[in-house]
Amino acid sequence: MSEDMWGVFFRVADVEEYLAEVYEGEEEAIEAAEARDELVFEQEMEEGGGEIPAWEDYEGMHYVEPIARTFVEEAQEQLDRGFAVRV
């Protein structure tokens, strides 16, 4: 078993970084990140605040990085409750 896990992250205002989900495998994490990008894009399309959003603005919004298992253990309670954890 590897020491690292794979986290799905996003940034707010290019300053604050958050961990949204954690996976054992990189491929699973990549798929989850892509699904999150699609969900946010679809939500923006439905809200329709005038302009049609461009997919390029949402693609890659969520990204994958290795994360230490020890950090995951510390953050697990918040993740289990559906909260993103500030890194």
PDB file of N, CA and C in Angstrom:
ATOM      1  N   MET A   1       0.841  -1.175   0.000  1.00  0.00           N
ATOM      2  CA  MET A   1       0.000   0.000   0.000  1.00  0.00           C
ATOM      3  C   MET A   1       0.890   1.244   0.000  1.00  0.00           C
ATOM      4  N   SER A   2       0.560   2.159  -0.835  1.00  0.00           N
ATOM      5  CA  SER A   2       1.340   3.393  -0.994  1.00  0.00           C
ATOM      6  C   SER A   2       1.080   4.348   0.164  1.00  0.00           C
ATOM      7  N   GLU A   3       2.052   5.178   0.465  1.00  0.00           N
ATOM      8  CA  GLU A   3       1.908   6.201   1.497  1.00  0.00           C
ATOM      9  C   GLU A   3       0.959   7.304   1.053  1.00  0.00           C
ATOM     10  N   ASP A   4       1.015   7.626  -0.231  1.00  0.00           N
ATOM     11  CA  ASP A   4       0.205   8.721  -0.746  1.00  0.00           C
ATOM     12  C   ASP A   4      -1.127   8.225  -1.284  1.00  0.00           C
ATOM     13  N   MET A   5      -2.077   9.121  -1.205  1.00  0.00           N
ATOM     14  CA  MET A   5      -3.372   8.910  -1.834  1.00  0.00           C
ATOM     15  C   MET A   5      -3.499  10.024  -2.868  1.00  0.00           C
ATOM     16  N   TRP A   6      -4.621  10.078  -3.550  1.00  0.00           N
ATOM     17  CA  TRP A   6      -4.830  11.090  -4.586  1.00  0.00           C
ATOM     18  C   TRP A   6      -6.005  11.968  -4.191  1.00  0.00           C
ATOM     19  N   GLY A   7      -5.753  13.262  -4.124  1.00  0.00           N
ATOM     20  CA  GLY A   7      -6.781  14.211  -3.745  1.00  0.00           C
ATOM     21  C   GLY A   7      -7.305  14.973  -4.936  1.00  0.00           C
ATOM     22  N   VAL A   8      -8.585  15.298  -4.888  1.00  0.00           N
ATOM     23  CA  VAL A   8      -9.218  16.171  -5.869  1.00  0.00           C
ATOM     24  C   VAL A   8      -9.308  17.547  -5.208  1.00  0.00           C
ATOM     25  N   PHE A   9      -8.649  18.525  -5.810  1.00  0.00           N
ATOM     26  CA  PHE A   9      -8.532  19.859  -5.237  1.00  0.00           C
ATOM     27  C   PHE A   9      -9.192  20.906  -6.131  1.00  0.00           C
ATOM     28  N   PHE A  10      -9.474  22.067  -5.555  1.00  0.00           N
ATOM     29  CA  PHE A  10      -9.872  23.237  -6.325  1.00  0.00           C
ATOM     30  C   PHE A  10      -9.376  24.469  -5.577  1.00  0.00           C
ATOM     31  N   ARG A  11      -9.271  25.577  -6.298  1.00  0.00           N
ATOM     32  CA  ARG A  11      -8.829  26.836  -5.695  1.00  0.00           C
ATOM     33  C   ARG A  11      -9.963  27.854  -5.752  1.00  0.00           C
ATOM     34  N   VAL A  12      -9.969  28.725  -4.772  1.00  0.00           N
ATOM     35  CA  VAL A  12     -10.919  29.827  -4.724  1.00  0.00           C
ATOM     36  C   VAL A  12     -10.110  31.109  -4.838  1.00  0.00           C
ATOM     37  N   ALA A  13     -10.446  31.918  -5.816  1.00  0.00           N
ATOM     38  CA  ALA A  13      -9.778  33.203  -6.046  1.00  0.00           C
ATOM     39  C   ALA A  13      -8.260  33.041  -6.165  1.00  0.00           C
ATOM     40  N   ASP A  14      -7.822  31.923  -6.695  1.00  0.00           N
ATOM     41  CA  ASP A  14      -6.389  31.637  -6.892  1.00  0.00           C
ATOM     42  C   ASP A  14      -5.560  31.809  -5.627  1.00  0.00           C
ATOM     43  N   VAL A  15      -6.203  31.742  -4.465  1.00  0.00           N
ATOM     44  CA  VAL A  15      -5.484  31.936  -3.205  1.00  0.00           C
ATOM     45  C   VAL A  15      -5.680  30.746  -2.273  1.00  0.00           C
ATOM     46  N   GLU A  16      -6.915  30.404  -2.005  1.00  0.00           N
ATOM     47  CA  GLU A  16      -7.227  29.343  -1.067  1.00  0.00           C
ATOM     48  C   GLU A  16      -7.407  28.021  -1.811  1.00  0.00           C
ATOM     49  N   GLU A  17      -6.743  26.981  -1.320  1.00  0.00           N
ATOM     50  CA  GLU A  17      -6.822  25.662  -1.932  1.00  0.00           C
ATOM     51  C   GLU A  17      -7.630  24.743  -1.020  1.00  0.00           C
ATOM     52  N   TYR A  18      -8.519  23.957  -1.630  1.00  0.00           N
ATOM     53  CA  TYR A  18      -9.381  23.053  -0.879  1.00  0.00           C
ATOM     54  C   TYR A  18      -9.275  21.634  -1.413  1.00  0.00           C
ATOM     55  N   LEU A  19      -9.377  20.680  -0.495  1.00  0.00           N
ATOM     56  CA  LEU A  19      -9.450  19.265  -0.822  1.00  0.00           C
ATOM     57  C   LEU A  19     -10.922  18.880  -0.815  1.00  0.00           C
ATOM     58  N   ALA A  20     -11.407  18.311  -1.922  1.00  0.00           N
ATOM     59  CA  ALA A  20     -12.814  17.960  -2.033  1.00  0.00           C
ATOM     60  C   ALA A  20     -13.079  16.469  -1.851  1.00  0.00           C
ATOM     61  N   GLU A  21     -12.178  15.643  -2.367  1.00  0.00           N
ATOM     62  CA  GLU A  21     -12.351  14.193  -2.307  1.00  0.00           C
ATOM     63  C   GLU A  21     -10.980  13.533  -2.281  1.00  0.00           C
ATOM     64  N   VAL A  22     -10.970  12.258  -1.867  1.00  0.00           N
ATOM     65  CA  VAL A  22      -9.726  11.503  -1.803  1.00  0.00           C
ATOM     66  C   VAL A  22      -9.955  10.104  -2.390  1.00  0.00           C
ATOM     67  N   TYR A  23      -8.953   9.628  -3.122  1.00  0.00           N
ATOM     68  CA  TYR A  23      -9.032   8.305  -3.737  1.00  0.00           C
ATOM     69  C   TYR A  23      -7.712   7.566  -3.570  1.00  0.00           C
ATOM     70  N   GLU A  24      -7.799   6.256  -3.619  1.00  0.00           N
ATOM     71  CA  GLU A  24      -6.599   5.411  -3.549  1.00  0.00           C
ATOM     72  C   GLU A  24      -5.826   5.460  -4.866  1.00  0.00           C
ATOM     73  N   GLY A  25      -6.553   5.535  -5.972  1.00  0.00           N
ATOM     74  CA  GLY A  25      -5.916   5.488  -7.278  1.00  0.00           C
ATOM     75  C   GLY A  25      -5.994   6.808  -8.027  1.00  0.00           C
ATOM     76  N   GLU A  26      -4.958   7.087  -8.795  1.00  0.00           N
ATOM     77  CA  GLU A  26      -4.909   8.332  -9.563  1.00  0.00           C
ATOM     78  C   GLU A  26      -6.006   8.393 -10.617  1.00  0.00           C
ATOM     79  N   GLU A  27      -6.245   7.295 -11.303  1.00  0.00           N
ATOM     80  CA  GLU A  27      -7.252   7.283 -12.369  1.00  0.00           C
ATOM     81  C   GLU A  27      -8.649   7.597 -11.831  1.00  0.00           C
ATOM     82  N   GLU A  28      -8.992   7.014 -10.687  1.00  0.00           N
ATOM     83  CA  GLU A  28     -10.278   7.311 -10.051  1.00  0.00           C
ATOM     84  C   GLU A  28     -10.393   8.795  -9.716  1.00  0.00           C
ATOM     85  N   ALA A  29      -9.326   9.350  -9.187  1.00  0.00           N
ATOM     86  CA  ALA A  29      -9.326  10.763  -8.802  1.00  0.00           C
ATOM     87  C   ALA A  29      -9.488  11.658 -10.021  1.00  0.00           C
ATOM     88  N   ILE A  30      -8.830  11.319 -11.115  1.00  0.00           N
ATOM     89  CA  ILE A  30      -8.948  12.103 -12.345  1.00  0.00           C
ATOM     90  C   ILE A  30     -10.388  12.081 -12.850  1.00  0.00           C
ATOM     91  N   GLU A  31     -11.003  10.905 -12.838  1.00  0.00           N
ATOM     92  CA  GLU A  31     -12.395  10.795 -13.273  1.00  0.00           C
ATOM     93  C   GLU A  31     -13.314  11.629 -12.378  1.00  0.00           C
ATOM     94  N   ALA A  32     -13.065  11.617 -11.073  1.00  0.00           N
ATOM     95  CA  ALA A  32     -13.882  12.401 -10.146  1.00  0.00           C
ATOM     96  C   ALA A  32     -13.701  13.898 -10.384  1.00  0.00           C
ATOM     97  N   ALA A  33     -12.476  14.328 -10.646  1.00  0.00           N
ATOM     98  CA  ALA A  33     -12.204  15.744 -10.915  1.00  0.00           C
ATOM     99  C   ALA A  33     -12.928  16.187 -12.179  1.00  0.00           C
ATOM    100  N   GLU A  34     -12.871  15.366 -13.209  1.00  0.00           N
ATOM    101  CA  GLU A  34     -13.562  15.695 -14.464  1.00  0.00           C
ATOM    102  C   GLU A  34     -15.069  15.759 -14.248  1.00  0.00           C
ATOM    103  N   ALA A  35     -15.604  14.836 -13.449  1.00  0.00           N
ATOM    104  CA  ALA A  35     -17.042  14.834 -13.165  1.00  0.00           C
ATOM    105  C   ALA A  35     -17.446  16.093 -12.402  1.00  0.00           C
ATOM    106  N   ARG A  36     -16.602  16.537 -11.479  1.00  0.00           N
ATOM    107  CA  ARG A  36     -16.888  17.770 -10.735  1.00  0.00           C
ATOM    108  C   ARG A  36     -16.878  18.982 -11.669  1.00  0.00           C
ATOM    109  N   ASP A  37     -15.915  19.029 -12.604  1.00  0.00           N
ATOM    110  CA  ASP A  37     -15.877  20.121 -13.582  1.00  0.00           C
ATOM    111  C   ASP A  37     -17.175  20.161 -14.380  1.00  0.00           C
ATOM    112  N   GLU A  38     -17.612  18.991 -14.841  1.00  0.00           N
ATOM    113  CA  GLU A  38     -18.837  18.904 -15.636  1.00  0.00           C
ATOM    114  C   GLU A  38     -20.053  19.344 -14.821  1.00  0.00           C
ATOM    115  N   LEU A  39     -20.116  18.947 -13.555  1.00  0.00           N
ATOM    116  CA  LEU A  39     -21.238  19.314 -12.705  1.00  0.00           C
ATOM    117  C   LEU A  39     -21.323  20.824 -12.513  1.00  0.00           C
ATOM    118  N   VAL A  40     -20.194  21.458 -12.226  1.00  0.00           N
ATOM    119  CA  VAL A  40     -20.188  22.910 -12.038  1.00  0.00           C
ATOM    120  C   VAL A  40     -20.589  23.604 -13.340  1.00  0.00           C
ATOM    121  N   PHE A  41     -20.087  23.124 -14.470  1.00  0.00           N
ATOM    122  CA  PHE A  41     -20.429  23.701 -15.767  1.00  0.00           C
ATOM    123  C   PHE A  41     -21.937  23.575 -16.024  1.00  0.00           C
ATOM    124  N   GLU A  42     -22.489  22.392 -15.771  1.00  0.00           N
ATOM    125  CA  GLU A  42     -23.919  22.171 -15.992  1.00  0.00           C
ATOM    126  C   GLU A  42     -24.769  23.056 -15.085  1.00  0.00           C
ATOM    127  N   GLN A  43     -24.330  23.231 -13.842  1.00  0.00           N
ATOM    128  CA  GLN A  43     -25.061  24.112 -12.922  1.00  0.00           C
ATOM    129  C   GLN A  43     -25.063  25.546 -13.438  1.00  0.00           C
ATOM    130  N   GLU A  44     -23.947  25.993 -13.958  1.00  0.00           N
ATOM    131  CA  GLU A  44     -23.868  27.347 -14.524  1.00  0.00           C
ATOM    132  C   GLU A  44     -24.752  27.481 -15.757  1.00  0.00           C
ATOM    133  N   MET A  45     -24.808  26.427 -16.570  1.00  0.00           N
ATOM    134  CA  MET A  45     -25.669  26.450 -17.765  1.00  0.00           C
ATOM    135  C   MET A  45     -27.132  26.574 -17.354  1.00  0.00           C
ATOM    136  N   GLU A  46     -27.531  25.844 -16.303  1.00  0.00           N
ATOM    137  CA  GLU A  46     -28.923  25.868 -15.851  1.00  0.00           C
ATOM    138  C   GLU A  46     -29.305  27.209 -15.239  1.00  0.00           C
ATOM    139  N   GLU A  47     -28.381  27.813 -14.515  1.00  0.00           N
ATOM    140  CA  GLU A  47     -28.668  29.104 -13.879  1.00  0.00           C
ATOM    141  C   GLU A  47     -28.816  30.206 -14.920  1.00  0.00           C
ATOM    142  N   GLY A  48     -28.040  30.098 -15.996  1.00  0.00           N
ATOM    143  CA  GLY A  48     -28.162  30.956 -17.144  1.00  0.00           C
ATOM    144  C   GLY A  48     -28.096  32.452 -16.926  1.00  0.00           C
ATOM    145  N   GLY A  49     -27.363  32.966 -16.008  1.00  0.00           N
ATOM    146  CA  GLY A  49     -27.300  34.384 -15.709  1.00  0.00           C
ATOM    147  C   GLY A  49     -26.953  35.283 -16.880  1.00  0.00           C
ATOM    148  N   GLY A  50     -27.521  35.082 -18.025  1.00  0.00           N
ATOM    149  CA  GLY A  50     -27.300  35.961 -19.174  1.00  0.00           C
ATOM    150  C   GLY A  50     -26.348  35.343 -20.196  1.00  0.00           C
ATOM    151  N   GLU A  51     -25.070  35.353 -19.898  1.00  0.00           N
ATOM    152  CA  GLU A  51     -24.083  34.820 -20.832  1.00  0.00           C
ATOM    153  C   GLU A  51     -23.999  33.297 -20.739  1.00  0.00           C
ATOM    154  N   ILE A  52     -23.739  32.681 -21.864  1.00  0.00           N
ATOM    155  CA  ILE A  52     -23.537  31.238 -21.889  1.00  0.00           C
ATOM    156  C   ILE A  52     -22.096  30.971 -21.467  1.00  0.00           C
ATOM    157  N   PRO A  53     -21.905  30.137 -20.433  1.00  0.00           N
ATOM    158  CA  PRO A  53     -20.539  29.888 -19.969  1.00  0.00           C
ATOM    159  C   PRO A  53     -19.738  29.094 -21.004  1.00  0.00           C
ATOM    160  N   ALA A  54     -18.447  29.299 -21.002  1.00  0.00           N
ATOM    161  CA  ALA A  54     -17.548  28.570 -21.904  1.00  0.00           C
ATOM    162  C   ALA A  54     -16.955  27.396 -21.143  1.00  0.00           C
ATOM    163  N   TRP A  55     -16.979  26.218 -21.760  1.00  0.00           N
ATOM    164  CA  TRP A  55     -16.443  25.013 -21.126  1.00  0.00           C
ATOM    165  C   TRP A  55     -14.987  25.211 -20.700  1.00  0.00           C
ATOM    166  N   GLU A  56     -14.228  25.956 -21.469  1.00  0.00           N
ATOM    167  CA  GLU A  56     -12.816  26.173 -21.170  1.00  0.00           C
ATOM    168  C   GLU A  56     -12.614  26.837 -19.806  1.00  0.00           C
ATOM    169  N   ASP A  57     -13.606  27.584 -19.345  1.00  0.00           N
ATOM    170  CA  ASP A  57     -13.511  28.235 -18.041  1.00  0.00           C
ATOM    171  C   ASP A  57     -13.697  27.251 -16.881  1.00  0.00           C
ATOM    172  N   TYR A  58     -14.226  26.073 -17.167  1.00  0.00           N
ATOM    173  CA  TYR A  58     -14.529  25.086 -16.132  1.00  0.00           C
ATOM    174  C   TYR A  58     -13.647  23.846 -16.219  1.00  0.00           C
ATOM    175  N   GLU A  59     -13.166  23.559 -17.408  1.00  0.00           N
ATOM    176  CA  GLU A  59     -12.306  22.391 -17.598  1.00  0.00           C
ATOM    177  C   GLU A  59     -11.016  22.586 -16.806  1.00  0.00           C
ATOM    178  N   GLY A  60     -10.709  21.641 -15.944  1.00  0.00           N
ATOM    179  CA  GLY A  60      -9.503  21.737 -15.137  1.00  0.00           C
ATOM    180  C   GLY A  60      -9.681  22.531 -13.857  1.00  0.00           C
ATOM    181  N   MET A  61     -10.905  22.938 -13.561  1.00  0.00           N
ATOM    182  CA  MET A  61     -11.182  23.670 -12.329  1.00  0.00           C
ATOM    183  C   MET A  61     -10.803  22.807 -11.114  1.00  0.00           C
ATOM    184  N   HIS A  62     -11.096  21.522 -11.211  1.00  0.00           N
ATOM    185  CA  HIS A  62     -10.708  20.559 -10.186  1.00  0.00           C
ATOM    186  C   HIS A  62      -9.502  19.795 -10.728  1.00  0.00           C
ATOM    187  N   TYR A  63      -8.522  19.612  -9.893  1.00  0.00           N
ATOM    188  CA  TYR A  63      -7.292  18.949 -10.339  1.00  0.00           C
ATOM    189  C   TYR A  63      -6.856  17.926  -9.303  1.00  0.00           C
ATOM    190  N   VAL A  64      -5.952  17.051  -9.721  1.00  0.00           N
ATOM    191  CA  VAL A  64      -5.534  15.920  -8.908  1.00  0.00           C
ATOM    192  C   VAL A  64      -4.069  16.049  -8.539  1.00  0.00           C
ATOM    193  N   GLU A  65      -3.786  15.806  -7.275  1.00  0.00           N
ATOM    194  CA  GLU A  65      -2.416  15.817  -6.751  1.00  0.00           C
ATOM    195  C   GLU A  65      -2.295  14.700  -5.719  1.00  0.00           C
ATOM    196  N   PRO A  66      -1.095  14.158  -5.554  1.00  0.00           N
ATOM    197  CA  PRO A  66      -0.915  13.199  -4.451  1.00  0.00           C
ATOM    198  C   PRO A  66      -1.052  13.926  -3.115  1.00  0.00           C
ATOM    199  N   ILE A  67      -1.538  13.202  -2.137  1.00  0.00           N
ATOM    200  CA  ILE A  67      -1.726  13.783  -0.809  1.00  0.00           C
ATOM    201  C   ILE A  67      -1.333  12.743   0.238  1.00  0.00           C
ATOM    202  N   ALA A  68      -0.686  13.199   1.274  1.00  0.00           N
ATOM    203  CA  ALA A  68      -0.225  12.293   2.326  1.00  0.00           C
ATOM    204  C   ALA A  68      -1.404  11.669   3.054  1.00  0.00           C
ATOM    205  N   ARG A  69      -1.283  10.394   3.305  1.00  0.00           N
ATOM    206  CA  ARG A  69      -2.316   9.650   4.006  1.00  0.00           C
ATOM    207  C   ARG A  69      -2.575  10.249   5.397  1.00  0.00           C
ATOM    208  N   THR A  70      -1.545  10.766   6.033  1.00  0.00           N
ATOM    209  CA  THR A  70      -1.707  11.360   7.363  1.00  0.00           C
ATOM    210  C   THR A  70      -2.628  12.582   7.313  1.00  0.00           C
ATOM    211  N   PHE A  71      -2.520  13.397   6.258  1.00  0.00           N
ATOM    212  CA  PHE A  71      -3.420  14.546   6.121  1.00  0.00           C
ATOM    213  C   PHE A  71      -4.849  14.076   5.887  1.00  0.00           C
ATOM    214  N   VAL A  72      -4.991  13.042   5.083  1.00  0.00           N
ATOM    215  CA  VAL A  72      -6.331  12.501   4.805  1.00  0.00           C
ATOM    216  C   VAL A  72      -6.979  12.029   6.100  1.00  0.00           C
ATOM    217  N   GLU A  73      -6.213  11.358   6.938  1.00  0.00           N
ATOM    218  CA  GLU A  73      -6.753  10.882   8.216  1.00  0.00           C
ATOM    219  C   GLU A  73      -7.241  12.051   9.068  1.00  0.00           C
ATOM    220  N   GLU A  74      -6.504  13.152   9.059  1.00  0.00           N
ATOM    221  CA  GLU A  74      -6.895  14.336   9.830  1.00  0.00           C
ATOM    222  C   GLU A  74      -8.160  14.987   9.265  1.00  0.00           C
ATOM    223  N   ALA A  75      -8.312  14.941   7.956  1.00  0.00           N
ATOM    224  CA  ALA A  75      -9.420  15.628   7.290  1.00  0.00           C
ATOM    225  C   ALA A  75     -10.633  14.735   7.053  1.00  0.00           C
ATOM    226  N   GLN A  76     -10.520  13.447   7.309  1.00  0.00           N
ATOM    227  CA  GLN A  76     -11.544  12.482   6.922  1.00  0.00           C
ATOM    228  C   GLN A  76     -12.920  12.801   7.481  1.00  0.00           C
ATOM    229  N   GLU A  77     -13.002  13.250   8.708  1.00  0.00           N
ATOM    230  CA  GLU A  77     -14.306  13.538   9.302  1.00  0.00           C
ATOM    231  C   GLU A  77     -15.045  14.623   8.510  1.00  0.00           C
ATOM    232  N   GLN A  78     -14.341  15.682   8.142  1.00  0.00           N
ATOM    233  CA  GLN A  78     -14.968  16.748   7.354  1.00  0.00           C
ATOM    234  C   GLN A  78     -15.344  16.248   5.963  1.00  0.00           C
ATOM    235  N   LEU A  79     -14.465  15.463   5.341  1.00  0.00           N
ATOM    236  CA  LEU A  79     -14.760  14.925   4.011  1.00  0.00           C
ATOM    237  C   LEU A  79     -15.982  14.012   4.063  1.00  0.00           C
ATOM    238  N   ASP A  80     -16.067  13.192   5.099  1.00  0.00           N
ATOM    239  CA  ASP A  80     -17.220  12.283   5.246  1.00  0.00           C
ATOM    240  C   ASP A  80     -18.535  13.043   5.384  1.00  0.00           C
ATOM    241  N   ARG A  81     -18.470  14.251   5.926  1.00  0.00           N
ATOM    242  CA  ARG A  81     -19.666  15.073   6.099  1.00  0.00           C
ATOM    243  C   ARG A  81     -19.978  15.897   4.846  1.00  0.00           C
ATOM    244  N   GLY A  82     -19.145  15.755   3.795  1.00  0.00           N
ATOM    245  CA  GLY A  82     -19.405  16.444   2.544  1.00  0.00           C
ATOM    246  C   GLY A  82     -18.764  17.817   2.442  1.00  0.00           C
ATOM    247  N   PHE A  83     -17.887  18.161   3.384  1.00  0.00           N
ATOM    248  CA  PHE A  83     -17.224  19.448   3.371  1.00  0.00           C
ATOM    249  C   PHE A  83     -15.901  19.376   2.631  1.00  0.00           C
ATOM    250  N   ALA A  84     -15.551  20.446   1.947  1.00  0.00           N
ATOM    251  CA  ALA A  84     -14.208  20.581   1.392  1.00  0.00           C
ATOM    252  C   ALA A  84     -13.315  21.074   2.520  1.00  0.00           C
ATOM    253  N   VAL A  85     -12.064  20.627   2.509  1.00  0.00           N
ATOM    254  CA  VAL A  85     -11.132  20.936   3.584  1.00  0.00           C
ATOM    255  C   VAL A  85     -10.068  21.886   3.066  1.00  0.00           C
ATOM    256  N   ARG A  86      -9.940  23.022   3.731  1.00  0.00           N
ATOM    257  CA  ARG A  86      -8.916  24.000   3.332  1.00  0.00           C
ATOM    258  C   ARG A  86      -7.532  23.415   3.598  1.00  0.00           C
ATOM    259  N   VAL A  87      -6.681  23.536   2.604  1.00  0.00           N
ATOM    260  CA  VAL A  87      -5.324  22.985   2.709  1.00  0.00           C
ATOM    261  C   VAL A  87      -4.364  24.070   3.091  1.00  0.00           C
TER     262      VAL A  87
END
